[in-house]
């Protein structure tokens, strides 16, 4: 019976026992392929149906959000939840189609991930009371009931900037996303706070914006270098750091020596860059688990705001 439960991924099996059973089943190449044996007992409780709404910048979805969605989906499946994913390209007509599709779907919960224009986000929150926002703090001074689970981006940004300063970097370029995006605002506010606290004058020319993509970051960095402004570090996110690396290397600037580069999100590609990228690591599994636990009612049903602390991973790109 324990083996049967383990192969059905039941949460009633102790994690260590589950791991041992699955390891042996995988070694044997075993998959249940028939209905022979004791009849499968249907659960009295129907599975939760979750609508996962994914926003994007234009027609793009960042590598970061792709990874977060994958983690959320795997967590929901592990908790016997049905997951229906809806994506949005930011256009007005596309959003209307999305909204009508969501209204037809009878869901136990609506999870909202990613970037939405403020008017669209407000509409979603008004239509789906109690919606849960992931990696999006929501709308300030807005009368709607929602919960949010976010990474503490302010803490992560300040920690990485302080690390760069501790390595003697004082001419730090901040390359964030679009100017109106909440993550960009958090990064810029933290940048101003940390530099002022360290007694470093802020050069407004060193605050750059792109569209969260590698090509967009490369374009912004190329235009900046043309201005011949002295700099010794660049702080961005991991995806945009790809574009930064390309521009710096094409200009024969040695990363980690001439200029330190730091990212945020701890995407797998960062470790494969040369030199390996220092980054702010985000615990996707913890974010997903806390959100799903809240959905399933194991926590409080009252709206909540959760912040998950990131941690620094220091590699070669910020110097030895």
Protein backbone atom coordinates (compact mmCIF):
# COMPACT_ATOMS: atom_id res chain seq x y z
CA UNK A 1 0.00 0.00 0.00
CA UNK A 2 2.88 2.37 0.75
CA UNK A 3 4.45 1.64 -2.65
CA UNK A 4 1.11 2.26 -4.32
CA UNK A 5 0.74 5.60 -2.57
CA UNK A 6 4.31 6.57 -3.47
CA UNK A 7 3.79 5.84 -7.16
CA UNK A 8 0.65 7.97 -7.05
CA UNK A 9 2.76 10.78 -5.47
CA UNK A 10 0.60 10.82 -2.35
CA UNK A 11 1.53 13.37 0.31
CA UNK A 12 0.85 10.71 2.99
CA UNK A 13 4.20 9.00 2.35
CA UNK A 14 7.21 10.17 4.37
CA UNK A 15 9.63 12.07 2.07
CA UNK A 16 12.57 9.71 2.79
CA UNK A 17 10.44 6.63 2.12
CA UNK A 18 9.05 8.22 -1.03
CA UNK A 19 12.56 8.96 -2.32
CA UNK A 20 13.71 5.35 -1.73
CA UNK A 21 10.67 3.84 -3.47
CA UNK A 22 10.90 6.15 -6.47
CA UNK A 23 14.65 5.54 -6.80
CA UNK A 24 14.11 1.77 -6.93
CA UNK A 25 11.13 2.06 -9.30
CA UNK A 26 13.19 4.25 -11.64
CA UNK A 27 16.07 1.74 -11.51
CA UNK A 28 13.63 -1.00 -12.55
CA UNK A 29 12.03 1.20 -15.20
CA UNK A 30 8.61 0.60 -13.65
CA UNK A 31 5.47 2.41 -14.75
CA UNK A 32 1.97 1.22 -13.93
CA UNK A 33 0.38 0.34 -17.25
CA UNK A 34 -2.87 -1.42 -16.37
CA UNK A 35 -5.83 -1.35 -13.99
CA UNK A 36 -5.00 -4.76 -12.56
CA UNK A 37 -4.96 -5.23 -8.81
CA UNK A 38 -6.90 -3.36 -6.17
CA UNK A 39 -9.32 -0.85 -7.76
CA UNK A 40 -8.21 2.74 -7.58
CA UNK A 41 -10.22 4.61 -4.96
CA UNK A 42 -11.57 7.90 -6.17
CA UNK A 43 -10.88 10.83 -3.90
CA UNK A 44 -13.96 12.33 -2.26
CA UNK A 45 -12.51 15.79 -2.78
CA UNK A 46 -12.32 17.07 -6.34
CA UNK A 47 -8.95 18.66 -7.21
CA UNK A 48 -8.54 22.41 -6.93
CA UNK A 49 -8.64 24.17 -10.29
CA UNK A 50 -6.18 27.04 -10.49
CA UNK A 51 -6.04 29.68 -13.22
CA UNK A 52 -2.48 30.89 -13.79
CA UNK A 53 -2.48 34.27 -15.57
CA UNK A 54 0.86 35.27 -17.09
CA UNK A 55 1.59 38.84 -18.14
CA UNK A 56 4.45 39.92 -20.35
CA UNK A 57 6.26 42.95 -21.73
CA UNK A 58 4.86 43.32 -25.24
CA UNK A 59 4.88 39.88 -26.82
CA UNK A 60 7.78 38.59 -24.73
CA UNK A 61 7.95 36.61 -21.52
CA UNK A 62 11.27 36.77 -19.69
CA UNK A 63 13.37 33.70 -18.91
CA UNK A 64 12.79 34.52 -15.24
CA UNK A 65 9.02 34.24 -15.52
CA UNK A 66 9.26 31.05 -17.59
CA UNK A 67 11.21 29.46 -14.76
CA UNK A 68 8.81 30.74 -12.10
CA UNK A 69 5.76 29.46 -14.00
CA UNK A 70 7.36 26.03 -14.40
CA UNK A 71 8.04 25.86 -10.64
CA UNK A 72 4.48 26.92 -9.78
CA UNK A 73 2.96 24.40 -12.18
CA UNK A 74 5.04 21.51 -10.79
CA UNK A 75 4.09 22.49 -7.23
CA UNK A 76 0.38 22.61 -8.08
CA UNK A 77 0.48 19.18 -9.76
CA UNK A 78 2.28 17.75 -6.72
CA UNK A 79 -0.65 18.96 -4.59
CA UNK A 80 -3.26 17.40 -6.91
CA UNK A 81 -4.34 20.73 -8.41
CA UNK A 82 -5.46 21.30 -11.98
CA UNK A 83 -3.58 24.18 -13.57
CA UNK A 84 -4.81 26.19 -16.57
CA UNK A 85 -2.35 28.75 -17.95
CA UNK A 86 -3.45 31.97 -19.67
CA UNK A 87 -0.96 34.36 -21.27
CA UNK A 88 -1.36 38.01 -22.17
CA UNK A 89 0.59 40.15 -24.65
CA UNK A 90 -0.36 43.49 -23.09
CA UNK A 91 -2.66 44.61 -25.92
CA UNK A 92 -6.19 45.86 -25.24
CA UNK A 93 -7.97 43.35 -27.50
CA UNK A 94 -5.83 40.48 -26.20
CA UNK A 95 -6.68 41.39 -22.62
CA UNK A 96 -10.42 41.43 -23.34
CA UNK A 97 -10.18 37.91 -24.77
CA UNK A 98 -8.21 36.82 -21.70
CA UNK A 99 -10.74 38.37 -19.32
CA UNK A 100 -13.72 36.62 -20.92
CA UNK A 101 -11.88 33.27 -20.91
CA UNK A 102 -11.12 33.65 -17.20
CA UNK A 103 -14.76 34.47 -16.40
CA UNK A 104 -15.88 31.25 -18.10
CA UNK A 105 -13.38 29.19 -16.11
CA UNK A 106 -14.68 28.13 -12.71
CA UNK A 107 -11.49 28.31 -10.66
CA UNK A 108 -10.82 27.91 -6.96
CA UNK A 109 -8.10 30.53 -7.22
CA UNK A 110 -6.53 32.93 -9.71
CA UNK A 111 -2.75 33.34 -9.65
CA UNK A 112 -1.37 36.41 -11.43
CA UNK A 113 2.30 36.44 -12.47
CA UNK A 114 4.32 39.02 -14.34
CA UNK A 115 3.85 42.47 -15.74
CA UNK A 116 0.46 44.05 -16.54
CA UNK A 117 -0.40 47.66 -17.34
CA UNK A 118 -1.92 49.19 -14.20
CA UNK A 119 -5.40 49.51 -15.73
CA UNK A 120 -5.42 45.81 -16.69
CA UNK A 121 -4.13 44.71 -13.28
CA UNK A 122 -6.84 46.75 -11.54
CA UNK A 123 -9.48 45.14 -13.77
CA UNK A 124 -8.24 41.65 -12.90
CA UNK A 125 -8.26 42.41 -9.17
CA UNK A 126 -11.78 43.88 -9.33
CA UNK A 127 -13.15 40.90 -11.29
CA UNK A 128 -11.44 38.19 -9.25
CA UNK A 129 -11.62 39.13 -5.59
CA UNK A 130 -9.02 37.34 -3.53
CA UNK A 131 -6.61 36.86 -6.47
CA UNK A 132 -3.02 36.00 -5.55
CA UNK A 133 -0.15 37.97 -7.07
CA UNK A 134 3.26 36.36 -7.48
CA UNK A 135 6.32 38.53 -8.05
CA UNK A 136 4.07 41.56 -8.26
CA UNK A 137 3.28 43.73 -5.20
CA UNK A 138 0.00 44.96 -6.72
CA UNK A 139 -1.46 48.43 -6.96
CA UNK A 140 -0.98 51.04 -4.23
CA UNK A 141 -4.06 52.72 -2.71
CA UNK A 142 -6.49 50.47 -4.55
CA UNK A 143 -9.64 49.12 -2.92
CA UNK A 144 -9.49 45.44 -3.87
CA UNK A 145 -8.89 42.27 -1.89
CA UNK A 146 -5.80 40.37 -2.99
CA UNK A 147 -2.78 38.59 -1.56
CA UNK A 148 0.79 38.77 -2.79
CA UNK A 149 3.89 36.59 -2.49
CA UNK A 150 7.07 38.37 -3.53
CA UNK A 151 10.82 38.27 -3.28
CA UNK A 152 12.32 41.06 -1.18
CA UNK A 153 13.90 42.85 -4.14
CA UNK A 154 14.88 45.85 -2.04
CA UNK A 155 16.94 43.67 0.31
CA UNK A 156 18.58 41.83 -2.61
CA UNK A 157 19.41 45.04 -4.50
CA UNK A 158 20.90 46.74 -1.45
CA UNK A 159 22.95 43.67 -0.52
CA UNK A 160 24.51 43.37 -4.00
CA UNK A 161 25.25 47.10 -4.26
CA UNK A 162 26.96 47.02 -0.85
CA UNK A 163 29.00 44.04 -2.05
CA UNK A 164 30.13 45.97 -5.14
CA UNK A 165 31.09 48.97 -3.02
CA UNK A 166 33.02 46.70 -0.64
CA UNK A 167 35.08 45.62 -3.67
CA UNK A 168 36.05 49.25 -4.30
CA UNK A 169 33.50 49.92 -7.04
CA UNK A 170 32.17 53.49 -6.87
CA UNK A 171 31.12 54.21 -10.46
CA UNK A 172 28.23 51.74 -10.66
CA UNK A 173 25.88 51.69 -13.65
CA UNK A 174 22.33 50.64 -12.76
CA UNK A 175 20.63 48.96 -15.73
CA UNK A 176 17.03 48.17 -14.82
CA UNK A 177 13.92 47.41 -16.85
CA UNK A 178 11.28 49.79 -18.13
CA UNK A 179 11.07 52.95 -16.05
CA UNK A 180 7.47 52.47 -14.89
CA UNK A 181 7.94 48.82 -13.80
CA UNK A 182 7.76 48.19 -10.03
CA UNK A 183 11.05 46.23 -10.06
CA UNK A 184 12.81 49.13 -11.78
CA UNK A 185 11.48 51.57 -9.19
CA UNK A 186 12.65 49.33 -6.33
CA UNK A 187 16.12 48.99 -7.90
CA UNK A 188 16.48 52.74 -8.44
CA UNK A 189 15.28 53.70 -4.94
CA UNK A 190 17.67 51.16 -3.40
CA UNK A 191 20.50 52.39 -5.64
CA UNK A 192 20.04 55.97 -4.47
CA UNK A 193 19.78 54.93 -0.83
CA UNK A 194 22.91 52.73 -0.80
CA UNK A 195 25.12 55.12 -2.76
CA UNK A 196 24.06 58.09 -0.64
CA UNK A 197 24.73 56.04 2.51
CA UNK A 198 28.23 55.27 1.23
CA UNK A 199 28.92 58.93 0.50
CA UNK A 200 29.03 58.37 -3.29
CA UNK A 201 27.68 61.14 -5.51
CA UNK A 202 24.90 59.92 -7.81
CA UNK A 203 25.48 60.53 -11.51
CA UNK A 204 22.03 60.49 -13.16
CA UNK A 205 23.63 59.47 -16.47
CA UNK A 206 24.49 56.09 -14.93
CA UNK A 207 20.85 55.09 -14.35
CA UNK A 208 19.81 53.22 -17.51
CA UNK A 209 16.61 51.50 -18.60
CA UNK A 210 15.94 48.69 -21.07
CA UNK A 211 13.08 46.28 -21.82
CA UNK A 212 14.26 43.35 -19.65
CA UNK A 213 15.72 41.57 -22.72
CA UNK A 214 19.35 40.88 -23.64
CA UNK A 215 19.19 42.82 -26.97
CA UNK A 216 17.55 45.77 -25.22
CA UNK A 217 20.28 45.79 -22.55
CA UNK A 218 23.00 45.56 -25.21
CA UNK A 219 21.55 48.56 -27.02
CA UNK A 220 21.35 50.63 -23.83
CA UNK A 221 24.90 49.67 -22.83
CA UNK A 222 26.27 50.47 -26.29
CA UNK A 223 24.77 53.97 -26.20
CA UNK A 224 26.16 54.51 -22.71
CA UNK A 225 29.72 53.53 -23.68
CA UNK A 226 29.60 55.96 -26.62
CA UNK A 227 29.33 58.79 -24.09
CA UNK A 228 32.77 57.92 -22.65
CA UNK A 229 31.55 58.11 -19.04
CA UNK A 230 33.90 56.39 -16.58
CA UNK A 231 32.38 53.36 -14.82
CA UNK A 232 33.69 50.33 -12.94
CA UNK A 233 30.57 48.18 -12.34
CA UNK A 234 27.19 47.29 -13.84
CA UNK A 235 24.22 45.96 -11.85
CA UNK A 236 21.29 44.50 -13.77
CA UNK A 237 19.32 41.24 -13.84
CA UNK A 238 20.72 37.97 -15.22
CA UNK A 239 18.88 38.07 -18.54
CA UNK A 240 19.99 41.61 -19.35
CA UNK A 241 23.51 40.80 -18.14
CA UNK A 242 23.90 38.68 -21.29
CA UNK A 243 23.66 41.82 -23.38
CA UNK A 244 26.01 43.67 -21.02
CA UNK A 245 28.63 40.92 -21.35
CA UNK A 246 28.50 41.05 -25.13
CA UNK A 247 28.99 44.81 -25.28
CA UNK A 248 31.77 44.91 -22.69
CA UNK A 249 33.70 42.08 -24.33
CA UNK A 250 33.31 43.59 -27.80
CA UNK A 251 34.85 46.78 -26.40
CA UNK A 252 37.76 44.80 -24.89
CA UNK A 253 36.67 45.59 -21.33
CA UNK A 254 37.73 42.79 -18.96
CA UNK A 255 34.79 41.66 -16.80
CA UNK A 256 35.74 41.12 -13.18
CA UNK A 257 38.85 43.28 -13.51
CA UNK A 258 38.10 46.50 -15.40
CA UNK A 259 34.37 46.34 -14.71
CA UNK A 260 32.42 44.21 -12.22
CA UNK A 261 29.07 42.86 -13.40
CA UNK A 262 26.30 41.62 -11.11
CA UNK A 263 22.86 40.23 -11.87
CA UNK A 264 19.67 39.18 -10.15
CA UNK A 265 17.47 36.01 -10.44
CA UNK A 266 20.20 33.30 -10.39
CA UNK A 267 19.25 31.90 -13.79
CA UNK A 268 21.24 28.78 -14.81
CA UNK A 269 22.88 30.62 -17.71
CA UNK A 270 24.69 32.95 -15.28
CA UNK A 271 26.94 30.18 -14.00
CA UNK A 272 27.89 29.22 -17.57
CA UNK A 273 29.02 32.72 -18.57
CA UNK A 274 32.72 33.55 -18.49
CA UNK A 275 33.51 34.85 -16.02
CA UNK A 276 30.66 33.32 -13.99
CA UNK A 277 28.05 35.91 -13.00
CA UNK A 278 27.56 37.05 -9.39
CA UNK A 279 23.83 37.21 -8.73
CA UNK A 280 20.96 37.55 -6.27
CA UNK A 281 19.43 34.08 -5.80
CA UNK A 282 15.64 33.74 -5.54
CA UNK A 283 14.00 30.70 -3.95
CA UNK A 284 11.32 29.79 -6.51
CA UNK A 285 10.37 26.59 -4.68
CA UNK A 286 9.69 28.42 -1.42
CA UNK A 287 7.60 31.08 -3.17
CA UNK A 288 5.54 28.43 -4.98
CA UNK A 289 5.08 26.27 -1.87
CA UNK A 290 3.89 29.19 0.28
CA UNK A 291 1.43 30.36 -2.38
CA UNK A 292 -0.02 26.87 -2.94
CA UNK A 293 -0.26 26.25 0.82
CA UNK A 294 -2.24 29.48 1.11
CA UNK A 295 -4.55 28.42 -1.77
CA UNK A 296 -5.27 25.06 -0.19
CA UNK A 297 -6.30 26.72 3.05
CA UNK A 298 -3.53 25.42 5.27
CA UNK A 299 -2.77 28.98 6.26
CA UNK A 300 -5.03 31.92 6.95
CA UNK A 301 -7.76 32.82 4.45
CA UNK A 302 -7.38 36.52 5.15
CA UNK A 303 -5.36 38.48 2.56
CA UNK A 304 -1.64 38.35 3.21
CA UNK A 305 1.57 39.93 1.97
CA UNK A 306 4.66 37.71 2.08
CA UNK A 307 8.24 38.69 1.30
CA UNK A 308 10.88 36.00 0.77
CA UNK A 309 14.49 36.99 1.43
CA UNK A 310 16.97 36.33 -1.41
CA UNK A 311 20.67 35.57 -0.93
CA UNK A 312 23.84 36.62 -2.71
CA UNK A 313 25.85 34.21 -4.83
CA UNK A 314 29.29 35.73 -5.42
CA UNK A 315 31.20 34.49 -8.45
CA UNK A 316 34.05 35.70 -10.67
CA UNK A 317 32.28 38.61 -12.40
CA UNK A 318 32.62 40.92 -9.38
CA UNK A 319 36.31 40.15 -8.91
CA UNK A 320 38.20 37.78 -6.67
